[in-house]
Amino acid sequence: MEAQQALAGNGTKRKSSAGAKKDGTPEVFNDIRKQIAQAPNRDVLRQVRTIYAEEWAAMPERWAQMLDDDYELRLDDLAAKESA
């Protein structure tokens, strides 16, 4: 299984998709996505990223990329709303 895990940017090992599905990671992934979508402002959104930094870094690469994409889109959306 370790052969299937790649090193994440912070030195921790990423989980394989199969390994992540076995240990409850989908629930954490879905919770992070929900919190990103519901963040009322950029400060709260940044807090979500900080709170879940360790779990985010250990996610399978494809899952982490989806979270990154969600985060960036929400950040842009909130910035546009706050500047309007």
N, C-alpha and C. Protein backbone atom coordinates (compact mmCIF):
# COMPACT_ATOMS: atom_id res chain seq x y z
N MET A 1 0.83 -1.18 0.00
CA MET A 1 0.00 0.00 0.00
C MET A 1 0.87 1.25 0.00
N GLU A 2 2.00 1.24 0.70
CA GLU A 2 2.84 2.42 0.72
C GLU A 2 3.35 2.77 -0.67
N ALA A 3 3.49 1.77 -1.52
CA ALA A 3 3.93 2.05 -2.88
C ALA A 3 2.90 2.88 -3.63
N GLN A 4 1.64 2.80 -3.22
CA GLN A 4 0.58 3.56 -3.87
C GLN A 4 0.46 4.97 -3.33
N GLN A 5 1.16 5.26 -2.24
CA GLN A 5 1.05 6.57 -1.63
C GLN A 5 2.19 7.45 -2.10
N ALA A 6 1.84 8.67 -2.50
CA ALA A 6 2.86 9.63 -2.91
C ALA A 6 3.08 10.60 -1.77
N LEU A 7 4.28 11.17 -1.71
CA LEU A 7 4.53 12.16 -0.68
C LEU A 7 3.75 13.42 -0.98
N ALA A 8 3.08 13.93 0.02
CA ALA A 8 2.38 15.21 -0.10
C ALA A 8 3.41 16.32 0.08
N GLY A 9 3.00 17.54 -0.20
CA GLY A 9 3.90 18.67 -0.12
C GLY A 9 4.51 18.90 1.25
N ASN A 10 3.88 18.45 2.31
CA ASN A 10 4.39 18.71 3.65
C ASN A 10 5.16 17.53 4.23
N GLY A 11 5.53 16.56 3.43
CA GLY A 11 6.29 15.43 3.90
C GLY A 11 5.46 14.25 4.39
N THR A 12 4.14 14.42 4.49
CA THR A 12 3.30 13.29 4.86
C THR A 12 2.97 12.50 3.61
N LYS A 13 2.57 11.29 3.82
CA LYS A 13 2.21 10.47 2.66
C LYS A 13 0.74 10.62 2.35
N ARG A 14 0.43 10.74 1.07
CA ARG A 14 -0.95 10.79 0.62
C ARG A 14 -1.52 9.37 0.68
N LYS A 15 -2.81 9.31 0.96
CA LYS A 15 -3.49 8.02 0.97
C LYS A 15 -3.84 7.63 -0.46
N SER A 16 -3.90 6.34 -0.70
CA SER A 16 -4.43 5.88 -1.96
C SER A 16 -5.94 6.04 -1.90
N SER A 17 -6.60 6.09 -3.04
CA SER A 17 -8.06 6.21 -3.05
C SER A 17 -8.70 5.04 -2.32
N ALA A 18 -8.19 3.85 -2.55
CA ALA A 18 -8.76 2.67 -1.89
C ALA A 18 -8.55 2.73 -0.39
N GLY A 19 -7.36 3.13 0.03
CA GLY A 19 -7.08 3.25 1.45
C GLY A 19 -7.94 4.32 2.11
N ALA A 20 -8.14 5.41 1.40
CA ALA A 20 -8.96 6.51 1.93
C ALA A 20 -10.41 6.08 2.10
N LYS A 21 -10.91 5.30 1.18
CA LYS A 21 -12.30 4.85 1.27
C LYS A 21 -12.52 3.92 2.45
N LYS A 22 -11.47 3.24 2.88
CA LYS A 22 -11.61 2.29 3.98
C LYS A 22 -11.57 2.96 5.35
N ASP A 23 -10.97 4.14 5.44
CA ASP A 23 -10.75 4.72 6.77
C ASP A 23 -11.61 5.94 7.09
N GLY A 24 -12.65 6.17 6.32
CA GLY A 24 -13.55 7.28 6.65
C GLY A 24 -13.19 8.60 6.00
N THR A 25 -12.17 8.62 5.17
CA THR A 25 -11.75 9.86 4.52
C THR A 25 -12.85 10.47 3.65
N PRO A 26 -13.72 9.69 3.00
CA PRO A 26 -14.78 10.33 2.21
C PRO A 26 -15.66 11.26 3.04
N GLU A 27 -15.91 10.90 4.28
CA GLU A 27 -16.73 11.76 5.14
C GLU A 27 -16.01 13.07 5.43
N VAL A 28 -14.71 13.00 5.69
CA VAL A 28 -13.92 14.21 5.94
C VAL A 28 -13.88 15.05 4.66
N PHE A 29 -13.66 14.41 3.53
CA PHE A 29 -13.63 15.10 2.24
C PHE A 29 -14.94 15.84 2.00
N ASN A 30 -16.05 15.15 2.22
CA ASN A 30 -17.37 15.77 2.01
C ASN A 30 -17.62 16.90 3.00
N ASP A 31 -17.15 16.76 4.23
CA ASP A 31 -17.31 17.81 5.22
C ASP A 31 -16.50 19.05 4.82
N ILE A 32 -15.28 18.85 4.35
CA ILE A 32 -14.46 19.98 3.91
C ILE A 32 -15.14 20.69 2.73
N ARG A 33 -15.62 19.93 1.77
CA ARG A 33 -16.30 20.54 0.62
C ARG A 33 -17.52 21.34 1.06
N LYS A 34 -18.27 20.80 2.00
CA LYS A 34 -19.46 21.49 2.51
C LYS A 34 -19.06 22.79 3.20
N GLN A 35 -18.03 22.73 4.02
CA GLN A 35 -17.60 23.93 4.73
C GLN A 35 -17.04 24.98 3.78
N ILE A 36 -16.37 24.56 2.73
CA ILE A 36 -15.90 25.50 1.72
C ILE A 36 -17.09 26.19 1.07
N ALA A 37 -18.07 25.41 0.66
CA ALA A 37 -19.25 25.96 -0.03
C ALA A 37 -20.04 26.91 0.86
N GLN A 38 -20.05 26.65 2.16
CA GLN A 38 -20.87 27.45 3.07
C GLN A 38 -20.11 28.58 3.76
N ALA A 39 -18.83 28.72 3.48
CA ALA A 39 -18.05 29.77 4.14
C ALA A 39 -18.66 31.13 3.79
N PRO A 40 -19.00 31.94 4.80
CA PRO A 40 -19.66 33.21 4.54
C PRO A 40 -18.72 34.34 4.11
N ASN A 41 -17.40 34.14 4.35
CA ASN A 41 -16.44 35.16 3.94
C ASN A 41 -15.05 34.52 3.79
N ARG A 42 -14.11 35.31 3.30
CA ARG A 42 -12.77 34.77 3.03
C ARG A 42 -12.04 34.36 4.31
N ASP A 43 -12.27 35.08 5.40
CA ASP A 43 -11.59 34.72 6.65
C ASP A 43 -12.01 33.33 7.13
N VAL A 44 -13.30 33.06 7.08
CA VAL A 44 -13.80 31.73 7.48
C VAL A 44 -13.27 30.67 6.51
N LEU A 45 -13.24 30.99 5.24
CA LEU A 45 -12.74 30.04 4.24
C LEU A 45 -11.27 29.70 4.53
N ARG A 46 -10.48 30.70 4.85
CA ARG A 46 -9.07 30.46 5.18
C ARG A 46 -8.94 29.60 6.44
N GLN A 47 -9.84 29.81 7.39
CA GLN A 47 -9.82 29.00 8.61
C GLN A 47 -10.12 27.54 8.31
N VAL A 48 -11.03 27.29 7.38
CA VAL A 48 -11.33 25.91 6.97
C VAL A 48 -10.06 25.25 6.46
N ARG A 49 -9.33 25.97 5.62
CA ARG A 49 -8.09 25.42 5.05
C ARG A 49 -7.08 25.13 6.15
N THR A 50 -6.97 26.02 7.12
CA THR A 50 -6.02 25.84 8.21
C THR A 50 -6.43 24.68 9.12
N ILE A 51 -7.70 24.63 9.47
CA ILE A 51 -8.19 23.58 10.37
C ILE A 51 -7.97 22.19 9.79
N TYR A 52 -8.21 22.05 8.49
CA TYR A 52 -8.12 20.74 7.84
C TYR A 52 -6.82 20.54 7.07
N ALA A 53 -5.80 21.34 7.33
CA ALA A 53 -4.55 21.28 6.56
C ALA A 53 -3.93 19.88 6.54
N GLU A 54 -3.90 19.24 7.68
CA GLU A 54 -3.27 17.92 7.77
C GLU A 54 -4.06 16.88 6.97
N GLU A 55 -5.37 16.87 7.16
CA GLU A 55 -6.21 15.91 6.44
C GLU A 55 -6.17 16.19 4.94
N TRP A 56 -6.21 17.47 4.57
CA TRP A 56 -6.19 17.88 3.17
C TRP A 56 -4.91 17.38 2.50
N ALA A 57 -3.79 17.54 3.19
CA ALA A 57 -2.50 17.13 2.62
C ALA A 57 -2.39 15.61 2.46
N ALA A 58 -3.12 14.86 3.28
CA ALA A 58 -3.04 13.40 3.22
C ALA A 58 -4.04 12.78 2.24
N MET A 59 -4.97 13.60 1.73
CA MET A 59 -5.98 13.10 0.79
C MET A 59 -5.31 12.54 -0.46
N PRO A 60 -5.96 11.61 -1.12
CA PRO A 60 -5.46 11.18 -2.43
C PRO A 60 -5.33 12.42 -3.32
N GLU A 61 -4.35 12.41 -4.18
CA GLU A 61 -4.02 13.60 -4.98
C GLU A 61 -5.23 14.17 -5.73
N ARG A 62 -6.02 13.32 -6.33
CA ARG A 62 -7.18 13.79 -7.09
C ARG A 62 -8.21 14.45 -6.17
N TRP A 63 -8.39 13.91 -4.99
CA TRP A 63 -9.33 14.49 -4.03
C TRP A 63 -8.82 15.85 -3.55
N ALA A 64 -7.53 15.93 -3.25
CA ALA A 64 -6.94 17.19 -2.80
C ALA A 64 -7.06 18.25 -3.89
N GLN A 65 -6.91 17.83 -5.13
CA GLN A 65 -7.04 18.78 -6.24
C GLN A 65 -8.47 19.31 -6.34
N MET A 66 -9.45 18.46 -6.11
CA MET A 66 -10.84 18.92 -6.13
C MET A 66 -11.08 19.93 -5.00
N LEU A 67 -10.50 19.67 -3.82
CA LEU A 67 -10.64 20.61 -2.72
C LEU A 67 -9.95 21.93 -3.06
N ASP A 68 -8.77 21.84 -3.66
CA ASP A 68 -8.06 23.06 -4.08
C ASP A 68 -8.89 23.87 -5.06
N ASP A 69 -9.49 23.18 -6.02
CA ASP A 69 -10.31 23.87 -7.02
C ASP A 69 -11.54 24.51 -6.37
N ASP A 70 -12.22 23.77 -5.50
CA ASP A 70 -13.38 24.32 -4.78
C ASP A 70 -12.97 25.55 -3.97
N TYR A 71 -11.84 25.44 -3.29
CA TYR A 71 -11.35 26.53 -2.45
C TYR A 71 -11.08 27.79 -3.28
N GLU A 72 -10.37 27.62 -4.37
CA GLU A 72 -10.03 28.77 -5.23
C GLU A 72 -11.27 29.41 -5.83
N LEU A 73 -12.21 28.61 -6.28
CA LEU A 73 -13.45 29.16 -6.84
C LEU A 73 -14.24 29.92 -5.79
N ARG A 74 -14.33 29.35 -4.59
CA ARG A 74 -15.07 30.02 -3.52
C ARG A 74 -14.36 31.29 -3.07
N LEU A 75 -13.04 31.26 -3.02
CA LEU A 75 -12.27 32.43 -2.66
C LEU A 75 -12.51 33.56 -3.66
N ASP A 76 -12.49 33.24 -4.94
CA ASP A 76 -12.77 34.24 -5.99
C ASP A 76 -14.19 34.77 -5.87
N ASP A 77 -15.15 33.88 -5.62
CA ASP A 77 -16.54 34.27 -5.49
C ASP A 77 -16.74 35.22 -4.31
N LEU A 78 -16.14 34.89 -3.17
CA LEU A 78 -16.28 35.72 -1.98
C LEU A 78 -15.56 37.06 -2.16
N ALA A 79 -14.43 37.04 -2.84
CA ALA A 79 -13.71 38.30 -3.09
C ALA A 79 -14.55 39.23 -3.95
N ALA A 80 -15.20 38.68 -4.95
CA ALA A 80 -16.06 39.49 -5.83
C ALA A 80 -17.24 40.06 -5.04
N LYS A 81 -17.84 39.24 -4.18
CA LYS A 81 -18.97 39.71 -3.37
C LYS A 81 -18.54 40.78 -2.38
N GLU A 82 -17.38 40.59 -1.78
CA GLU A 82 -16.91 41.55 -0.78
C GLU A 82 -16.49 42.88 -1.40
N SER A 83 -16.06 42.86 -2.64
CA SER A 83 -15.65 44.11 -3.28
C SER A 83 -16.80 44.81 -3.98
N ALA A 84 -17.95 44.16 -4.09
CA ALA A 84 -19.11 44.76 -4.77
C ALA A 84 -19.84 45.75 -3.90
